[in-house]
Amino acid sequence: MDGTGVGFALASLQDVWMCGVNQVNQPSMGAMAAPGLQGNGVKPVANVVADALAGPLSVQAASGTKDLNNLDWLGLADPPTCSPDPDLLTSRAWVEIDGAQLRQNLRLLQARLSPGTEIWAVVKANAYGHGAKLVAPLAIAAGAKGLCVATLAEGIELRQQGLKAPILVLGALNTWAELRQAMAARLEVSLTCAEQIPLMCQVARLAGRPCPIHVNVDTGMTRLGIPWTEAALLWGQICRIPELQACSLFSHLATADEPDSAAMEQQRTRFAQIVEQIQRAGDPLPSLHLDNSAGALSHLQGHYARVRLGLALYGLPPAPHLQVPGLQPILRLKARLTHIQTVPAQTGVSYGHRYVTHRPSRIATLAIGYADGIPRRLSGRLQGWAGGGLIPQVGTITMDQCMWDVTDRPDIQVGDVVELLGSHLDSALSRFQVQDWADQLGTIPYELLCGLSARLPRLLVNSPE
């Protein structure tokens, strides 16, 4: 979007304010459900704003009036209290989260940051597969000052848990329905384009309080955000809009995990230029955040007010050259053996019979499969830790189960636990690190961790004091 687009959105909003209208007329339910930005099959931005600014400060829904400051209508008033039986949670397959190690990781990372720099924990994608409902309160208790999610639903889920910490939705919210729910759940939202401004103001008037926004600036990621050349001017204009609470200005690094990245330095330079322009204009200097895990660990000459930490917080270096002594993964992946049978030589195992026994064998079935996040492409390449020793996985990994050769382990019985990932095992056993899985598959740990299914219970072990 060029400067004309920014000016149009702001000028349209200013024209409405000049009319002295202070109340909002609720559009029909059809209008509420439709996207609110021009180009999405609805009215132009100026008309949407003009139509909305003329009635009472309430949201009229099919079942009656809904107060945007009342969390009852989102089901947030009473957090759930259900506590499943721990024995049932570990009857099949599960993930264990080391709470004490999470706290230690946060402290180690905090010590590497500039004094006074806040850590905001990135708990999107179910906390990178670790379990957001478990990890988020642990991170806040350990010292994180805020949380970052990708979607509206992720933010609401954390509010349903009773969390009161600031929660920033990093993804773009472009519709009336999304923004009104974000306001009701008291989430903070990302401004990713100027056309969102009138809609945000409209929803803020409905709520009777400013909409908290963080201005996302595109300095080179080319994903979301205001063009960096327009960011300083837009920030100055936003600070003069009473319906908006300008919380911060931020960007995201595209190549921070690469050593000696010229592209990252260019992004840093652009971001610094924006800050300088804001200062020259005499506008309020916002809270600033640019660094992700890789950026925070690769750039030790000083950090802005906040850093957004994801993978490093979970104990994994974002790149081989960004190791932190003492940082350890907090996740362990375990499953139980549910069946063992003895079969003769030349017996095919699992789909396709891609593995055939070469001797009389004991074949054990483990209650975990690719629907749980164990990549099918690792079939025949995994090893597990059971009863103090290694066992090999054989045959094709199936949706809910996989098979293991325990011929040489007569001690292993049905009900025994096999550990597939776990940093507490002998450090020489790199096969139990998610990085080893990623290397075998030509991918990154992020993808594998995020692929761990929600049907795997997340359990806290080694609780922090």
Protein backbone atom coordinates (compact mmCIF):
# COMPACT_ATOMS: atom_id res chain seq x y z
CA MET A 1 0.00 0.00 0.00
CA ASP A 2 1.42 3.43 -0.92
CA GLY A 3 1.18 6.66 1.04
CA THR A 4 -2.08 7.53 -0.72
CA GLY A 5 -3.74 4.49 0.87
CA VAL A 6 -2.61 5.52 4.33
CA GLY A 7 -3.83 9.06 3.80
CA PHE A 8 -7.20 7.90 2.48
CA ALA A 9 -7.91 5.69 5.49
CA LEU A 10 -6.97 8.39 7.98
CA ALA A 11 -8.69 11.21 6.09
CA SER A 12 -11.91 9.20 5.87
CA LEU A 13 -11.84 8.68 9.62
CA GLN A 14 -11.05 12.34 10.31
CA ASP A 15 -14.00 13.45 8.17
CA VAL A 16 -16.33 11.37 10.32
CA TRP A 17 -14.93 12.82 13.57
CA MET A 18 -15.46 16.37 12.27
CA CYS A 19 -19.20 15.68 12.22
CA GLY A 20 -19.08 15.44 16.03
CA VAL A 21 -20.70 12.01 16.13
CA ASN A 22 -19.82 10.07 19.30
CA GLN A 23 -22.09 7.03 19.14
CA VAL A 24 -22.22 3.93 17.01
CA ASN A 25 -25.14 2.46 15.14
CA GLN A 26 -24.86 -1.30 15.04
CA PRO A 27 -24.99 -2.75 11.51
CA SER A 28 -27.09 -5.78 10.71
CA MET A 29 -25.86 -9.27 11.61
CA GLY A 30 -25.02 -9.83 7.96
CA ALA A 31 -22.76 -6.81 7.95
CA MET A 32 -21.14 -7.91 11.19
CA ALA A 33 -20.26 -11.31 9.79
CA ALA A 34 -18.76 -9.87 6.60
CA PRO A 35 -15.14 -8.71 6.31
CA GLY A 36 -14.78 -5.02 7.06
CA LEU A 37 -12.05 -3.92 4.65
CA GLN A 38 -12.49 -2.49 1.18
CA GLY A 39 -11.84 -4.99 -1.57
CA ASN A 40 -13.49 -7.87 0.28
CA GLY A 41 -16.90 -7.54 -1.31
CA VAL A 42 -18.36 -4.94 1.08
CA LYS A 43 -18.70 -1.16 1.27
CA PRO A 44 -15.64 1.11 0.96
CA VAL A 45 -13.86 1.95 4.21
CA ALA A 46 -15.27 5.48 4.35
CA ASN A 47 -18.86 4.23 3.97
CA VAL A 48 -18.38 1.45 6.52
CA VAL A 49 -17.19 3.97 9.10
CA ALA A 50 -19.89 6.50 8.30
CA ASP A 51 -22.65 3.90 8.58
CA ALA A 52 -21.28 2.67 11.89
CA LEU A 53 -21.01 5.99 13.70
CA ALA A 54 -24.61 6.78 14.63
CA GLY A 55 -26.12 4.71 17.46
CA PRO A 56 -25.85 3.33 21.01
CA LEU A 57 -22.68 1.76 22.40
CA SER A 58 -23.85 -1.85 22.22
CA VAL A 59 -23.68 -4.78 19.82
CA GLN A 60 -27.05 -6.03 18.62
CA ALA A 61 -26.96 -9.78 18.03
CA ALA A 62 -29.67 -12.24 17.10
CA SER A 63 -30.28 -13.09 20.74
CA GLY A 64 -30.26 -9.48 21.96
CA THR A 65 -27.78 -6.83 23.00
CA LYS A 66 -24.25 -7.91 23.86
CA ASP A 67 -21.90 -5.77 25.94
CA LEU A 68 -18.37 -5.75 24.55
CA ASN A 69 -17.00 -5.29 28.07
CA ASN A 70 -18.82 -8.36 29.42
CA LEU A 71 -16.87 -11.60 28.99
CA ASP A 72 -19.88 -13.83 29.68
CA TRP A 73 -20.92 -13.90 26.03
CA LEU A 74 -17.53 -15.36 25.08
CA GLY A 75 -17.68 -17.94 27.87
CA LEU A 76 -14.76 -16.30 29.67
CA ALA A 77 -16.43 -15.53 32.98
CA ASP A 78 -15.75 -18.90 34.62
CA PRO A 79 -12.51 -20.68 33.62
CA PRO A 80 -12.88 -24.48 33.35
CA THR A 81 -11.90 -26.51 36.39
CA CYS A 82 -11.97 -30.04 34.95
CA SER A 83 -9.02 -32.18 36.14
CA PRO A 84 -8.74 -35.47 34.20
CA ASP A 85 -7.45 -38.59 35.94
CA PRO A 86 -3.62 -38.60 35.59
CA ASP A 87 -3.62 -42.37 35.09
CA LEU A 88 -5.90 -41.99 32.09
CA LEU A 89 -3.76 -39.20 30.67
CA THR A 90 -0.74 -41.51 30.62
CA SER A 91 -2.51 -44.67 29.50
CA ARG A 92 -1.53 -44.20 25.86
CA ALA A 93 0.82 -41.40 24.75
CA TRP A 94 1.62 -37.99 26.20
CA VAL A 95 3.98 -35.03 26.38
CA GLU A 96 5.77 -34.02 29.57
CA ILE A 97 6.82 -30.41 30.16
CA ASP A 98 9.64 -29.67 32.60
CA GLY A 99 8.44 -26.58 34.44
CA ALA A 100 11.68 -26.00 36.34
CA GLN A 101 13.71 -26.12 33.11
CA LEU A 102 11.36 -23.62 31.48
CA ARG A 103 12.00 -21.22 34.35
CA GLN A 104 15.76 -21.84 34.08
CA ASN A 105 15.69 -21.22 30.32
CA LEU A 106 13.90 -17.91 30.81
CA ARG A 107 16.42 -16.81 33.43
CA LEU A 108 19.37 -17.77 31.22
CA LEU A 109 17.92 -15.82 28.32
CA GLN A 110 17.03 -12.82 30.46
CA ALA A 111 20.66 -12.63 31.61
CA ARG A 112 21.80 -12.26 27.98
CA LEU A 113 19.49 -9.33 27.27
CA SER A 114 20.06 -5.66 27.87
CA PRO A 115 19.06 -4.57 31.37
CA GLY A 116 15.34 -3.81 31.60
CA THR A 117 14.42 -5.69 28.42
CA GLU A 118 11.11 -7.51 28.75
CA ILE A 119 10.53 -11.04 27.52
CA TRP A 120 7.21 -11.75 25.85
CA ALA A 121 6.69 -15.49 25.48
CA VAL A 122 5.52 -16.66 22.07
CA VAL A 123 2.92 -19.35 22.76
CA LYS A 124 1.29 -19.53 19.33
CA ALA A 125 0.64 -22.91 17.67
CA ASN A 126 -0.11 -24.46 21.06
CA ALA A 127 3.19 -23.10 22.40
CA TYR A 128 5.09 -24.72 19.53
CA GLY A 129 3.43 -28.03 20.37
CA HIS A 130 4.30 -27.84 24.08
CA GLY A 131 0.77 -26.96 25.21
CA ALA A 132 -0.14 -23.29 25.48
CA LYS A 133 -2.56 -23.73 28.39
CA LEU A 134 0.26 -25.32 30.39
CA VAL A 135 3.22 -23.23 29.21
CA ALA A 136 1.67 -19.76 29.22
CA PRO A 137 1.04 -19.50 32.99
CA LEU A 138 4.45 -21.08 33.67
CA ALA A 139 6.14 -18.46 31.50
CA ILE A 140 4.33 -15.59 33.22
CA ALA A 141 5.17 -17.01 36.65
CA ALA A 142 8.82 -17.29 35.57
CA GLY A 143 9.00 -13.61 34.63
CA ALA A 144 7.62 -13.15 31.11
CA LYS A 145 5.74 -9.84 30.91
CA GLY A 146 3.36 -10.76 28.12
CA LEU A 147 2.27 -13.45 25.66
CA CYS A 148 2.14 -13.59 21.87
CA VAL A 149 -0.32 -15.72 19.89
CA ALA A 150 -1.03 -15.99 16.19
CA THR A 151 -4.81 -16.18 16.14
CA LEU A 152 -7.85 -14.81 17.89
CA ALA A 153 -8.91 -18.29 19.02
CA GLU A 154 -5.52 -18.88 20.66
CA GLY A 155 -5.87 -15.67 22.65
CA ILE A 156 -9.42 -16.44 23.76
CA GLU A 157 -8.36 -19.92 24.86
CA LEU A 158 -5.78 -18.42 27.21
CA ARG A 159 -8.30 -15.95 28.60
CA GLN A 160 -10.61 -18.90 29.26
CA GLN A 161 -7.85 -20.28 31.47
CA GLY A 162 -8.09 -17.16 33.58
CA LEU A 163 -4.81 -15.57 32.46
CA LYS A 164 -4.70 -11.81 33.05
CA ALA A 165 -1.35 -11.03 31.39
CA PRO A 166 -1.20 -8.94 28.20
CA ILE A 167 -1.81 -11.09 25.12
CA LEU A 168 -0.82 -9.82 21.67
CA VAL A 169 -2.44 -11.35 18.57
CA LEU A 170 0.28 -11.25 15.92
CA GLY A 171 -1.98 -12.23 13.01
CA ALA A 172 -4.13 -9.79 11.06
CA LEU A 173 -7.72 -9.26 12.26
CA ASN A 174 -9.71 -7.73 9.42
CA THR A 175 -13.38 -8.28 10.28
CA TRP A 176 -15.91 -6.76 12.63
CA ALA A 177 -16.55 -10.11 14.30
CA GLU A 178 -12.85 -10.74 14.97
CA LEU A 179 -12.17 -7.31 16.42
CA ARG A 180 -15.24 -7.21 18.65
CA GLN A 181 -14.29 -10.59 20.13
CA ALA A 182 -10.69 -9.44 20.61
CA MET A 183 -11.96 -6.39 22.50
CA ALA A 184 -14.32 -8.49 24.62
CA ALA A 185 -11.48 -10.81 25.57
CA ARG A 186 -9.22 -7.81 26.22
CA LEU A 187 -6.64 -8.95 23.70
CA GLU A 188 -4.16 -6.58 22.08
CA VAL A 189 -4.17 -6.60 18.28
CA SER A 190 -1.71 -5.98 15.47
CA LEU A 191 -2.29 -3.14 13.05
CA THR A 192 -0.99 -4.56 9.79
CA CYS A 193 -2.47 -2.10 7.28
CA ALA A 194 -3.98 1.39 7.49
CA GLU A 195 -7.35 0.21 6.20
CA GLN A 196 -7.94 -1.52 9.53
CA ILE A 197 -8.02 1.79 11.39
CA PRO A 198 -11.66 2.83 10.76
CA LEU A 199 -12.93 -0.62 11.75
CA MET A 200 -10.81 -0.65 14.91
CA CYS A 201 -12.14 2.78 15.84
CA GLN A 202 -15.71 1.68 15.23
CA VAL A 203 -15.32 -1.34 17.52
CA ALA A 204 -13.56 0.79 20.12
CA ARG A 205 -16.54 3.15 20.22
CA LEU A 206 -18.83 0.19 20.71
CA ALA A 207 -16.74 -0.97 23.65
CA GLY A 208 -16.52 2.50 25.11
CA ARG A 209 -12.73 2.22 25.46
CA PRO A 210 -9.71 2.47 23.14
CA CYS A 211 -8.61 -0.50 21.06
CA PRO A 212 -5.07 -1.55 22.13
CA ILE A 213 -2.93 -1.88 19.02
CA HIS A 214 0.66 -2.79 18.19
CA VAL A 215 1.81 -1.40 14.85
CA ASN A 216 3.44 -4.09 12.74
CA VAL A 217 6.03 -2.67 10.34
CA ASP A 218 7.31 -4.56 7.31
CA THR A 219 11.06 -3.92 7.24
CA GLY A 220 11.83 -6.82 4.92
CA MET A 221 9.86 -9.91 5.93
CA THR A 222 7.25 -9.23 3.22
CA ARG A 223 4.49 -10.95 5.16
CA LEU A 224 2.43 -8.49 7.20
CA GLY A 225 2.86 -4.87 8.18
CA ILE A 226 2.90 -1.19 7.29
CA PRO A 227 5.61 -0.33 4.72
CA TRP A 228 8.63 0.84 6.68
CA THR A 229 8.86 4.05 4.68
CA GLU A 230 5.39 5.07 5.95
CA ALA A 231 5.61 3.79 9.51
CA ALA A 232 6.84 6.94 11.29
CA LEU A 233 4.18 9.16 9.72
CA LEU A 234 1.45 6.66 10.46
CA TRP A 235 2.59 6.29 14.06
CA GLY A 236 2.32 10.03 14.58
CA GLN A 237 -1.22 10.05 13.20
CA ILE A 238 -2.29 7.04 15.26
CA CYS A 239 -1.10 8.71 18.47
CA ARG A 240 -3.69 11.43 17.80
CA ILE A 241 -6.63 9.05 17.41
CA PRO A 242 -8.44 8.75 20.77
CA GLU A 243 -10.11 5.47 19.81
CA LEU A 244 -6.71 3.75 19.51
CA GLN A 245 -4.31 2.92 22.34
CA ALA A 246 -0.92 2.78 20.63
CA CYS A 247 0.91 0.12 22.67
CA SER A 248 4.03 -0.56 20.62
CA LEU A 249 5.70 -0.56 17.25
CA PHE A 250 7.40 -3.75 16.07
CA SER A 251 8.82 -5.67 13.15
CA HIS A 252 9.99 -9.23 12.49
CA LEU A 253 13.40 -10.41 11.29
CA ALA A 254 13.48 -12.73 8.29
CA THR A 255 17.07 -14.03 8.40
CA ALA A 256 18.19 -13.69 12.02
CA ASP A 257 19.09 -17.39 12.22
CA GLU A 258 21.70 -17.03 9.47
CA PRO A 259 25.25 -16.01 10.42
CA ASP A 260 26.46 -12.64 9.13
CA SER A 261 23.15 -11.81 7.47
CA ALA A 262 23.20 -8.60 5.44
CA ALA A 263 19.41 -8.76 5.13
CA MET A 264 19.02 -8.76 8.91
CA GLU A 265 21.31 -5.75 9.25
CA GLN A 266 19.27 -3.94 6.63
CA GLN A 267 16.11 -4.61 8.61
CA ARG A 268 17.76 -3.35 11.79
CA THR A 269 18.87 -0.19 10.00
CA ARG A 270 15.39 0.45 8.64
CA PHE A 271 13.83 -0.03 12.05
CA ALA A 272 16.35 2.37 13.62
CA GLN A 273 15.53 4.94 10.94
CA ILE A 274 11.83 4.72 11.82
CA VAL A 275 12.67 5.36 15.48
CA GLU A 276 14.82 8.35 14.52
CA GLN A 277 12.02 9.80 12.35
CA ILE A 278 9.52 9.46 15.21
CA GLN A 279 11.92 11.25 17.55
CA ARG A 280 12.54 14.07 15.06
CA ALA A 281 8.80 14.55 14.65
CA GLY A 282 8.41 14.93 18.39
CA ASP A 283 5.85 12.14 18.60
CA PRO A 284 5.67 9.85 21.65
CA LEU A 285 8.29 7.13 21.36
CA PRO A 286 6.54 3.76 21.51
CA SER A 287 7.65 0.58 23.16
CA LEU A 288 9.72 -1.19 20.51
CA HIS A 289 10.33 -4.84 19.76
CA LEU A 290 12.21 -6.33 16.84
CA ASP A 291 14.08 -9.42 18.02
CA ASN A 292 12.82 -12.99 17.97
CA SER A 293 14.85 -15.80 19.56
CA ALA A 294 17.48 -15.78 16.82
CA GLY A 295 17.67 -12.00 16.76
CA ALA A 296 18.04 -11.74 20.53
CA LEU A 297 20.86 -14.30 20.61
CA SER A 298 22.74 -13.03 17.55
CA HIS A 299 22.58 -9.34 18.46
CA LEU A 300 24.15 -8.68 21.84
CA GLN A 301 24.97 -4.98 21.40
CA GLY A 302 21.63 -3.87 22.84
CA HIS A 303 17.97 -4.74 22.62
CA TYR A 304 14.80 -2.72 22.43
CA ALA A 305 12.21 -2.62 25.22
CA ARG A 306 10.94 -6.12 24.47
CA VAL A 307 11.97 -9.35 22.77
CA ARG A 308 9.61 -12.06 21.57
CA LEU A 309 11.04 -15.45 22.50
CA GLY A 310 9.70 -18.74 21.21
CA LEU A 311 12.01 -21.63 20.34
CA ALA A 312 14.80 -20.54 22.69
CA LEU A 313 12.38 -20.35 25.59
CA TYR A 314 11.52 -24.00 24.94
CA GLY A 315 15.21 -24.86 25.17
CA LEU A 316 16.19 -25.22 21.51
CA PRO A 317 18.73 -23.00 19.75
CA PRO A 318 17.22 -21.33 16.67
CA ALA A 319 20.43 -22.14 14.78
CA PRO A 320 23.55 -24.26 15.46
CA HIS A 321 25.73 -21.18 15.97
CA LEU A 322 23.32 -19.71 18.55
CA GLN A 323 23.84 -22.18 21.40
CA VAL A 324 23.31 -20.98 24.97
CA PRO A 325 25.11 -22.91 27.73
CA GLY A 326 22.60 -24.47 30.09
CA LEU A 327 19.65 -24.08 27.77
CA GLN A 328 17.77 -27.39 27.60
CA PRO A 329 14.60 -28.63 25.86
CA ILE A 330 11.63 -28.78 28.21
CA LEU A 331 9.68 -31.42 26.28
CA ARG A 332 9.66 -35.20 26.62
CA LEU A 333 7.54 -37.42 24.37
CA LYS A 334 6.43 -40.79 25.73
CA ALA A 335 4.06 -43.64 24.87
CA ARG A 336 3.09 -47.06 26.24
CA LEU A 337 3.43 -50.48 24.68
CA THR A 338 -0.03 -52.01 24.30
CA HIS A 339 0.68 -55.35 22.62
CA ILE A 340 3.57 -57.79 22.13
CA GLN A 341 3.57 -60.86 19.92
CA THR A 342 6.15 -63.42 18.84
CA VAL A 343 6.28 -64.08 15.10
CA PRO A 344 8.39 -66.35 12.87
CA ALA A 345 11.03 -65.23 10.43
CA GLN A 346 9.77 -63.80 7.11
CA THR A 347 6.76 -62.15 8.73
CA GLY A 348 5.66 -58.84 7.23
CA VAL A 349 5.07 -55.99 9.66
CA SER A 350 2.65 -53.07 9.19
CA TYR A 351 1.23 -51.53 6.02
CA GLY A 352 2.95 -52.53 2.81
CA HIS A 353 5.12 -55.13 4.55
CA ARG A 354 8.08 -52.82 3.95
CA TYR A 355 9.72 -54.54 6.88
CA VAL A 356 9.96 -58.33 7.02
CA THR A 357 11.46 -60.13 10.00
CA HIS A 358 14.71 -61.96 9.28
CA ARG A 359 14.49 -64.12 12.42
CA PRO A 360 11.85 -65.20 14.94
CA SER A 361 10.98 -61.87 16.58
CA ARG A 362 9.08 -60.18 19.36
CA ILE A 363 7.19 -57.29 17.82
CA ALA A 364 5.76 -54.70 20.21
CA THR A 365 3.05 -52.17 19.35
CA LEU A 366 3.43 -48.62 20.69
CA ALA A 367 0.32 -46.48 21.05
CA ILE A 368 1.48 -43.48 19.07
CA GLY A 369 1.44 -42.72 15.34
CA TYR A 370 1.48 -40.03 12.71
CA ALA A 371 -1.86 -38.62 13.88
CA ASP A 372 0.01 -37.80 17.09
CA GLY A 373 2.79 -36.06 15.20
CA ILE A 374 5.33 -38.85 14.63
CA PRO A 375 6.31 -38.29 10.98
CA ARG A 376 5.50 -41.26 8.79
CA ARG A 377 8.69 -40.54 6.83
CA LEU A 378 10.70 -41.60 9.88
CA SER A 379 9.41 -45.16 9.53
CA GLY A 380 12.21 -47.62 10.26
CA ARG A 381 14.56 -44.81 11.32
CA LEU A 382 13.50 -44.19 14.91
CA GLN A 383 14.92 -45.53 18.12
CA GLY A 384 13.28 -45.39 21.52
CA TRP A 385 14.48 -45.54 25.09
CA ALA A 386 12.79 -48.27 27.12
CA GLY A 387 13.82 -49.71 30.48
CA GLY A 388 17.29 -48.21 30.28
CA GLY A 389 18.13 -49.33 26.74
CA LEU A 390 17.48 -48.74 23.06
CA ILE A 391 14.90 -50.43 20.86
CA PRO A 392 14.42 -49.93 17.09
CA GLN A 393 11.17 -49.00 15.36
CA VAL A 394 10.26 -51.28 12.44
CA GLY A 395 7.72 -51.18 9.65
CA THR A 396 5.55 -48.30 8.49
CA ILE A 397 4.36 -45.88 11.15
CA THR A 398 0.56 -45.94 11.12
CA MET A 399 -1.99 -43.35 12.11
CA ASP A 400 -2.30 -44.28 15.77
CA GLN A 401 0.39 -46.90 16.39
CA CYS A 402 3.84 -48.06 15.37
CA MET A 403 5.80 -51.27 15.83
CA TRP A 404 9.12 -51.96 17.52
CA ASP A 405 11.49 -54.93 17.57
CA VAL A 406 12.05 -56.03 21.18
CA THR A 407 13.46 -59.47 20.38
CA ASP A 408 16.66 -58.72 22.26
CA ARG A 409 14.78 -57.24 25.21
CA PRO A 410 12.90 -60.06 26.99
CA ASP A 411 12.46 -57.73 29.97
CA ILE A 412 10.11 -55.45 28.05
CA GLN A 413 6.41 -56.07 28.67
CA VAL A 414 3.02 -54.61 27.77
CA GLY A 415 2.50 -51.36 29.66
CA ASP A 416 6.15 -50.33 29.58
CA VAL A 417 6.92 -46.73 28.58
CA VAL A 418 9.02 -45.85 25.53
CA GLU A 419 10.54 -42.38 25.37
CA LEU A 420 10.92 -40.89 21.89
CA LEU A 421 12.19 -37.39 22.71
CA GLY A 422 13.91 -36.30 25.91
CA SER A 423 16.82 -34.01 26.66
CA HIS A 424 17.53 -35.62 30.05
CA LEU A 425 18.82 -38.78 28.35
CA ASP A 426 22.53 -39.26 27.71
CA SER A 427 23.67 -36.24 25.70
CA ALA A 428 25.43 -38.57 23.27
CA LEU A 429 22.04 -39.94 22.25
CA SER A 430 21.31 -37.15 19.79
CA ARG A 431 18.64 -39.32 18.19
CA PHE A 432 16.35 -38.27 21.05
CA GLN A 433 16.55 -34.59 20.12
CA VAL A 434 13.98 -33.06 17.81
CA GLN A 435 16.87 -31.52 15.85
CA ASP A 436 17.96 -35.04 14.85
CA TRP A 437 14.47 -35.78 13.54
CA ALA A 438 14.53 -32.51 11.63
CA ASP A 439 17.94 -33.25 10.13
CA GLN A 440 16.75 -36.66 8.91
CA LEU A 441 13.70 -35.09 7.26
CA GLY A 442 15.34 -31.96 5.88
CA THR A 443 13.13 -29.63 7.90
CA ILE A 444 13.29 -27.53 11.08
CA PRO A 445 12.39 -28.35 14.69
CA TYR A 446 9.57 -25.78 14.61
CA GLU A 447 7.60 -27.88 12.11
CA LEU A 448 7.96 -31.11 14.06
CA LEU A 449 7.13 -29.59 17.44
CA CYS A 450 4.07 -27.79 16.06
CA GLY A 451 2.99 -31.09 14.52
CA LEU A 452 2.58 -32.79 17.89
CA SER A 453 -1.14 -33.45 18.03
CA ALA A 454 -3.49 -31.75 20.45
CA ARG A 455 -4.78 -35.20 21.40
CA LEU A 456 -1.53 -35.82 23.27
CA PRO A 457 -2.06 -34.71 26.89
CA ARG A 458 0.50 -32.19 28.13
CA LEU A 459 1.61 -32.93 31.69
CA LEU A 460 3.72 -30.82 34.02
CA VAL A 461 6.72 -32.56 35.59
CA ASN A 462 9.45 -31.11 37.81
CA SER A 463 7.23 -28.25 38.85
CA PRO A 464 9.10 -24.97 39.57
CA GLU A 465 9.15 -23.88 43.18
